[in-house]
Amino acid sequence: MLIGIARVIMACQALASLGVWVGQLQDTFSRMDHNQDVYPQAVIVDILNPLIALALLTSAIFLGSRPWVRPFALTMEYIGIISALVNVITGFHQAGVAIAVAVAVIVLIHRSDAVSRVRLTG
Protein backbone atom coordinates (compact mmCIF):
# COMPACT_ATOMS: atom_id res chain seq x y z
CA MET A 1 0.00 0.00 0.00
CA LEU A 2 2.70 2.49 1.00
CA ILE A 3 4.79 1.62 -2.05
CA GLY A 4 1.72 2.14 -4.23
CA ILE A 5 1.26 5.65 -2.85
CA ALA A 6 4.97 6.39 -3.36
CA ARG A 7 4.71 5.15 -6.95
CA VAL A 8 1.76 7.44 -7.71
CA ILE A 9 3.54 10.43 -6.20
CA MET A 10 6.72 9.68 -8.17
CA ALA A 11 4.74 9.41 -11.41
CA CYS A 12 3.19 12.82 -10.64
CA GLN A 13 6.67 14.20 -9.95
CA ALA A 14 7.80 12.92 -13.36
CA LEU A 15 4.84 14.58 -15.10
CA ALA A 16 5.39 17.83 -13.20
CA SER A 17 9.07 17.74 -14.13
CA LEU A 18 8.14 17.42 -17.80
CA GLY A 19 5.73 20.35 -17.45
CA VAL A 20 8.46 22.50 -15.93
CA TRP A 21 10.80 21.38 -18.71
CA VAL A 22 8.38 22.61 -21.38
CA GLY A 23 8.23 26.00 -19.68
CA GLN A 24 12.01 26.14 -19.38
CA LEU A 25 12.44 25.32 -23.06
CA GLN A 26 9.98 28.02 -24.03
CA ASP A 27 11.89 30.54 -21.92
CA THR A 28 15.25 29.46 -23.39
CA PHE A 29 13.98 29.66 -26.98
CA SER A 30 12.28 33.01 -26.32
CA ARG A 31 15.54 34.41 -25.01
CA MET A 32 17.41 33.09 -28.05
CA ASP A 33 14.80 34.57 -30.41
CA HIS A 34 15.29 37.98 -28.81
CA ASN A 35 19.10 37.77 -28.81
CA GLN A 36 19.23 37.68 -25.03
CA ASP A 37 21.83 35.80 -23.05
CA VAL A 38 21.00 32.25 -22.09
CA TYR A 39 22.82 31.12 -18.99
CA PRO A 40 24.78 27.88 -19.37
CA GLN A 41 23.01 26.56 -16.26
CA ALA A 42 19.68 26.95 -18.07
CA VAL A 43 20.91 24.85 -20.96
CA ILE A 44 22.17 22.18 -18.56
CA VAL A 45 18.78 22.12 -16.85
CA ASP A 46 17.07 21.92 -20.25
CA ILE A 47 19.09 18.78 -20.95
CA LEU A 48 18.87 17.17 -17.50
CA ASN A 49 15.20 17.76 -16.73
CA PRO A 50 13.74 15.16 -19.11
CA LEU A 51 16.38 12.67 -17.93
CA ILE A 52 15.32 13.26 -14.34
CA ALA A 53 11.67 12.84 -15.34
CA LEU A 54 12.52 9.56 -17.05
CA ALA A 55 14.41 8.34 -13.96
CA LEU A 56 11.44 9.23 -11.73
CA LEU A 57 9.02 7.49 -14.06
CA THR A 58 11.24 4.40 -14.19
CA SER A 59 11.34 4.39 -10.40
CA ALA A 60 7.57 4.74 -10.20
CA ILE A 61 7.01 1.85 -12.59
CA PHE A 62 9.44 -0.63 -11.06
CA LEU A 63 9.42 0.35 -7.36
CA GLY A 64 8.47 -2.71 -5.34
CA SER A 65 9.11 -5.19 -8.13
CA ARG A 66 12.85 -4.83 -8.76
CA PRO A 67 15.42 -4.78 -5.94
CA TRP A 68 17.69 -2.20 -7.63
CA VAL A 69 14.92 0.41 -7.85
CA ARG A 70 14.58 1.21 -4.15
CA PRO A 71 18.08 2.75 -3.75
CA PHE A 72 17.73 4.37 -7.18
CA ALA A 73 14.39 5.94 -6.22
CA LEU A 74 15.76 7.17 -2.89
CA THR A 75 18.79 8.67 -4.65
CA MET A 76 16.53 10.51 -7.11
CA GLU A 77 14.48 11.91 -4.22
CA TYR A 78 17.62 13.06 -2.36
CA ILE A 79 18.88 14.74 -5.53
CA GLY A 80 15.47 16.39 -5.86
CA ILE A 81 15.70 17.73 -2.32
CA ILE A 82 19.14 19.21 -2.96
CA SER A 83 17.99 20.78 -6.22
CA ALA A 84 14.86 22.21 -4.62
CA LEU A 85 16.88 23.52 -1.68
CA VAL A 86 19.11 25.42 -4.09
CA ASN A 87 15.98 26.90 -5.67
CA VAL A 88 14.60 27.94 -2.28
CA ILE A 89 17.91 29.57 -1.33
CA THR A 90 18.02 31.48 -4.63
CA GLY A 91 14.55 32.90 -4.07
CA PHE A 92 12.17 30.40 -5.65
CA HIS A 93 10.35 29.56 -2.44
CA GLN A 94 7.68 27.49 -4.18
CA ALA A 95 10.33 24.75 -4.49
CA GLY A 96 9.67 24.10 -0.81
CA VAL A 97 6.68 22.08 -1.97
CA ALA A 98 9.02 19.82 -3.95
CA ILE A 99 11.07 19.26 -0.79
CA ALA A 100 7.96 18.26 1.16
CA VAL A 101 6.83 15.87 -1.58
CA ALA A 102 10.28 14.26 -1.83
CA VAL A 103 10.43 13.82 1.94
CA ALA A 104 6.97 12.21 1.84
CA VAL A 105 8.14 9.70 -0.79
CA ILE A 106 11.28 8.89 1.22
CA VAL A 107 9.20 8.32 4.36
CA LEU A 108 6.75 6.10 2.45
CA ILE A 109 9.57 3.96 1.05
CA HIS A 110 11.27 3.59 4.44
CA ARG A 111 7.99 2.79 6.20
CA SER A 112 7.13 0.17 3.61
CA ASP A 113 10.49 -1.47 4.33
CA ALA A 114 9.76 -1.42 8.06
CA VAL A 115 6.32 -2.96 7.49
CA SER A 116 7.88 -5.68 5.31
CA ARG A 117 10.46 -6.50 7.99
CA VAL A 118 7.77 -6.75 10.67
CA ARG A 119 5.73 -9.11 8.49
CA LEU A 120 8.78 -11.29 7.85
CA THR A 121 9.77 -11.53 11.52
CA GLY A 122 6.23 -11.50 12.99
C-alpha atoms as a PDB file:
ATOM      1  CA  MET A   1       0.000   0.000   0.000  1.00  0.00           C
ATOM      2  CA  LEU A   2       2.700   2.492   0.997  1.00  0.00           C
ATOM      3  CA  ILE A   3       4.792   1.621  -2.048  1.00  0.00           C
ATOM      4  CA  GLY A   4       1.723   2.136  -4.231  1.00  0.00           C
ATOM      5  CA  ILE A   5       1.261   5.653  -2.847  1.00  0.00           C
ATOM      6  CA  ALA A   6       4.967   6.392  -3.359  1.00  0.00           C
ATOM      7  CA  ARG A   7       4.711   5.147  -6.953  1.00  0.00           C
ATOM      8  CA  VAL A   8       1.763   7.444  -7.714  1.00  0.00           C
ATOM      9  CA  ILE A   9       3.545  10.432  -6.197  1.00  0.00           C
ATOM     10  CA  MET A  10       6.722   9.681  -8.174  1.00  0.00           C
ATOM     11  CA  ALA A  11       4.741   9.412 -11.411  1.00  0.00           C
ATOM     12  CA  CYS A  12       3.188  12.815 -10.635  1.00  0.00           C
ATOM     13  CA  GLN A  13       6.673  14.196  -9.949  1.00  0.00           C
ATOM     14  CA  ALA A  14       7.799  12.925 -13.364  1.00  0.00           C
ATOM     15  CA  LEU A  15       4.841  14.582 -15.101  1.00  0.00           C
ATOM     16  CA  ALA A  16       5.390  17.826 -13.202  1.00  0.00           C
ATOM     17  CA  SER A  17       9.067  17.738 -14.134  1.00  0.00           C
ATOM     18  CA  LEU A  18       8.138  17.424 -17.802  1.00  0.00           C
ATOM     19  CA  GLY A  19       5.730  20.347 -17.447  1.00  0.00           C
ATOM     20  CA  VAL A  20       8.456  22.496 -15.931  1.00  0.00           C
ATOM     21  CA  TRP A  21      10.799  21.380 -18.708  1.00  0.00           C
ATOM     22  CA  VAL A  22       8.378  22.607 -21.384  1.00  0.00           C
ATOM     23  CA  GLY A  23       8.231  25.999 -19.675  1.00  0.00           C
ATOM     24  CA  GLN A  24      12.006  26.135 -19.379  1.00  0.00           C
ATOM     25  CA  LEU A  25      12.437  25.318 -23.060  1.00  0.00           C
ATOM     26  CA  GLN A  26       9.977  28.022 -24.028  1.00  0.00           C
ATOM     27  CA  ASP A  27      11.889  30.536 -21.924  1.00  0.00           C
ATOM     28  CA  THR A  28      15.246  29.459 -23.395  1.00  0.00           C
ATOM     29  CA  PHE A  29      13.977  29.659 -26.982  1.00  0.00           C
ATOM     30  CA  SER A  30      12.277  33.005 -26.317  1.00  0.00           C
ATOM     31  CA  ARG A  31      15.544  34.413 -25.008  1.00  0.00           C
ATOM     32  CA  MET A  32      17.407  33.088 -28.054  1.00  0.00           C
ATOM     33  CA  ASP A  33      14.796  34.566 -30.409  1.00  0.00           C
ATOM     34  CA  HIS A  34      15.289  37.983 -28.814  1.00  0.00           C
ATOM     35  CA  ASN A  35      19.104  37.770 -28.814  1.00  0.00           C
ATOM     36  CA  GLN A  36      19.230  37.682 -25.032  1.00  0.00           C
ATOM     37  CA  ASP A  37      21.828  35.799 -23.047  1.00  0.00           C
ATOM     38  CA  VAL A  38      20.999  32.246 -22.093  1.00  0.00           C
ATOM     39  CA  TYR A  39      22.819  31.122 -18.986  1.00  0.00           C
ATOM     40  CA  PRO A  40      24.778  27.883 -19.366  1.00  0.00           C
ATOM     41  CA  GLN A  41      23.009  26.563 -16.255  1.00  0.00           C
ATOM     42  CA  ALA A  42      19.684  26.951 -18.069  1.00  0.00           C
ATOM     43  CA  VAL A  43      20.914  24.847 -20.964  1.00  0.00           C
ATOM     44  CA  ILE A  44      22.174  22.178 -18.562  1.00  0.00           C
ATOM     45  CA  VAL A  45      18.778  22.121 -16.846  1.00  0.00           C
ATOM     46  CA  ASP A  46      17.066  21.920 -20.246  1.00  0.00           C
ATOM     47  CA  ILE A  47      19.089  18.784 -20.949  1.00  0.00           C
ATOM     48  CA  LEU A  48      18.870  17.173 -17.499  1.00  0.00           C
ATOM     49  CA  ASN A  49      15.201  17.764 -16.725  1.00  0.00           C
ATOM     50  CA  PRO A  50      13.741  15.159 -19.107  1.00  0.00           C
ATOM     51  CA  LEU A  51      16.377  12.670 -17.930  1.00  0.00           C
ATOM     52  CA  ILE A  52      15.321  13.256 -14.341  1.00  0.00           C
ATOM     53  CA  ALA A  53      11.670  12.840 -15.341  1.00  0.00           C
ATOM     54  CA  LEU A  54      12.522   9.556 -17.050  1.00  0.00           C
ATOM     55  CA  ALA A  55      14.410   8.341 -13.965  1.00  0.00           C
ATOM     56  CA  LEU A  56      11.442   9.230 -11.734  1.00  0.00           C
ATOM     57  CA  LEU A  57       9.017   7.486 -14.059  1.00  0.00           C
ATOM     58  CA  THR A  58      11.244   4.397 -14.185  1.00  0.00           C
ATOM     59  CA  SER A  59      11.343   4.387 -10.400  1.00  0.00           C
ATOM     60  CA  ALA A  60       7.570   4.738 -10.202  1.00  0.00           C
ATOM     61  CA  ILE A  61       7.012   1.854 -12.592  1.00  0.00           C
ATOM     62  CA  PHE A  62       9.439  -0.630 -11.056  1.00  0.00           C
ATOM     63  CA  LEU A  63       9.422   0.345  -7.359  1.00  0.00           C
ATOM     64  CA  GLY A  64       8.466  -2.707  -5.339  1.00  0.00           C
ATOM     65  CA  SER A  65       9.108  -5.187  -8.126  1.00  0.00           C
ATOM     66  CA  ARG A  66      12.852  -4.830  -8.759  1.00  0.00           C
ATOM     67  CA  PRO A  67      15.424  -4.780  -5.936  1.00  0.00           C
ATOM     68  CA  TRP A  68      17.689  -2.197  -7.631  1.00  0.00           C
ATOM     69  CA  VAL A  69      14.921   0.410  -7.851  1.00  0.00           C
ATOM     70  CA  ARG A  70      14.579   1.209  -4.148  1.00  0.00           C
ATOM     71  CA  PRO A  71      18.081   2.750  -3.748  1.00  0.00           C
ATOM     72  CA  PHE A  72      17.725   4.375  -7.179  1.00  0.00           C
ATOM     73  CA  ALA A  73      14.391   5.942  -6.216  1.00  0.00           C
ATOM     74  CA  LEU A  74      15.756   7.169  -2.894  1.00  0.00           C
ATOM     75  CA  THR A  75      18.788   8.668  -4.649  1.00  0.00           C
ATOM     76  CA  MET A  76      16.533  10.509  -7.108  1.00  0.00           C
ATOM     77  CA  GLU A  77      14.478  11.913  -4.224  1.00  0.00           C
ATOM     78  CA  TYR A  78      17.617  13.056  -2.362  1.00  0.00           C
ATOM     79  CA  ILE A  79      18.881  14.740  -5.531  1.00  0.00           C
ATOM     80  CA  GLY A  80      15.471  16.388  -5.864  1.00  0.00           C
ATOM     81  CA  ILE A  81      15.704  17.731  -2.320  1.00  0.00           C
ATOM     82  CA  ILE A  82      19.144  19.213  -2.964  1.00  0.00           C
ATOM     83  CA  SER A  83      17.990  20.779  -6.221  1.00  0.00           C
ATOM     84  CA  ALA A  84      14.860  22.214  -4.620  1.00  0.00           C
ATOM     85  CA  LEU A  85      16.875  23.518  -1.683  1.00  0.00           C
ATOM     86  CA  VAL A  86      19.112  25.425  -4.092  1.00  0.00           C
ATOM     87  CA  ASN A  87      15.980  26.901  -5.672  1.00  0.00           C
ATOM     88  CA  VAL A  88      14.603  27.943  -2.277  1.00  0.00           C
ATOM     89  CA  ILE A  89      17.911  29.572  -1.334  1.00  0.00           C
ATOM     90  CA  THR A  90      18.022  31.484  -4.627  1.00  0.00           C
ATOM     91  CA  GLY A  91      14.550  32.899  -4.066  1.00  0.00           C
ATOM     92  CA  PHE A  92      12.173  30.404  -5.652  1.00  0.00           C
ATOM     93  CA  HIS A  93      10.346  29.562  -2.443  1.00  0.00           C
ATOM     94  CA  GLN A  94       7.675  27.488  -4.183  1.00  0.00           C
ATOM     95  CA  ALA A  95      10.328  24.750  -4.492  1.00  0.00           C
ATOM     96  CA  GLY A  96       9.674  24.105  -0.806  1.00  0.00           C
ATOM     97  CA  VAL A  97       6.678  22.080  -1.966  1.00  0.00           C
ATOM     98  CA  ALA A  98       9.025  19.824  -3.951  1.00  0.00           C
ATOM     99  CA  ILE A  99      11.071  19.257  -0.793  1.00  0.00           C
ATOM    100  CA  ALA A 100       7.959  18.264   1.156  1.00  0.00           C
ATOM    101  CA  VAL A 101       6.831  15.868  -1.585  1.00  0.00           C
ATOM    102  CA  ALA A 102      10.279  14.259  -1.834  1.00  0.00           C
ATOM    103  CA  VAL A 103      10.430  13.818   1.944  1.00  0.00           C
ATOM    104  CA  ALA A 104       6.973  12.207   1.845  1.00  0.00           C
ATOM    105  CA  VAL A 105       8.140   9.700  -0.788  1.00  0.00           C
ATOM    106  CA  ILE A 106      11.283   8.894   1.217  1.00  0.00           C
ATOM    107  CA  VAL A 107       9.201   8.319   4.356  1.00  0.00           C
ATOM    108  CA  LEU A 108       6.752   6.097   2.449  1.00  0.00           C
ATOM    109  CA  ILE A 109       9.575   3.960   1.051  1.00  0.00           C
ATOM    110  CA  HIS A 110      11.270   3.594   4.437  1.00  0.00           C
ATOM    111  CA  ARG A 111       7.993   2.794   6.205  1.00  0.00           C
ATOM    112  CA  SER A 112       7.128   0.169   3.608  1.00  0.00           C
ATOM    113  CA  ASP A 113      10.488  -1.467   4.334  1.00  0.00           C
ATOM    114  CA  ALA A 114       9.758  -1.424   8.061  1.00  0.00           C
ATOM    115  CA  VAL A 115       6.318  -2.963   7.491  1.00  0.00           C
ATOM    116  CA  SER A 116       7.879  -5.678   5.312  1.00  0.00           C
ATOM    117  CA  ARG A 117      10.464  -6.503   7.991  1.00  0.00           C
ATOM    118  CA  VAL A 118       7.766  -6.748  10.673  1.00  0.00           C
ATOM    119  CA  ARG A 119       5.731  -9.107   8.494  1.00  0.00           C
ATOM    120  CA  LEU A 120       8.778 -11.292   7.845  1.00  0.00           C
ATOM    121  CA  THR A 121       9.770 -11.531  11.523  1.00  0.00           C
ATOM    122  CA  GLY A 122       6.233 -11.499  12.993  1.00  0.00           C
END
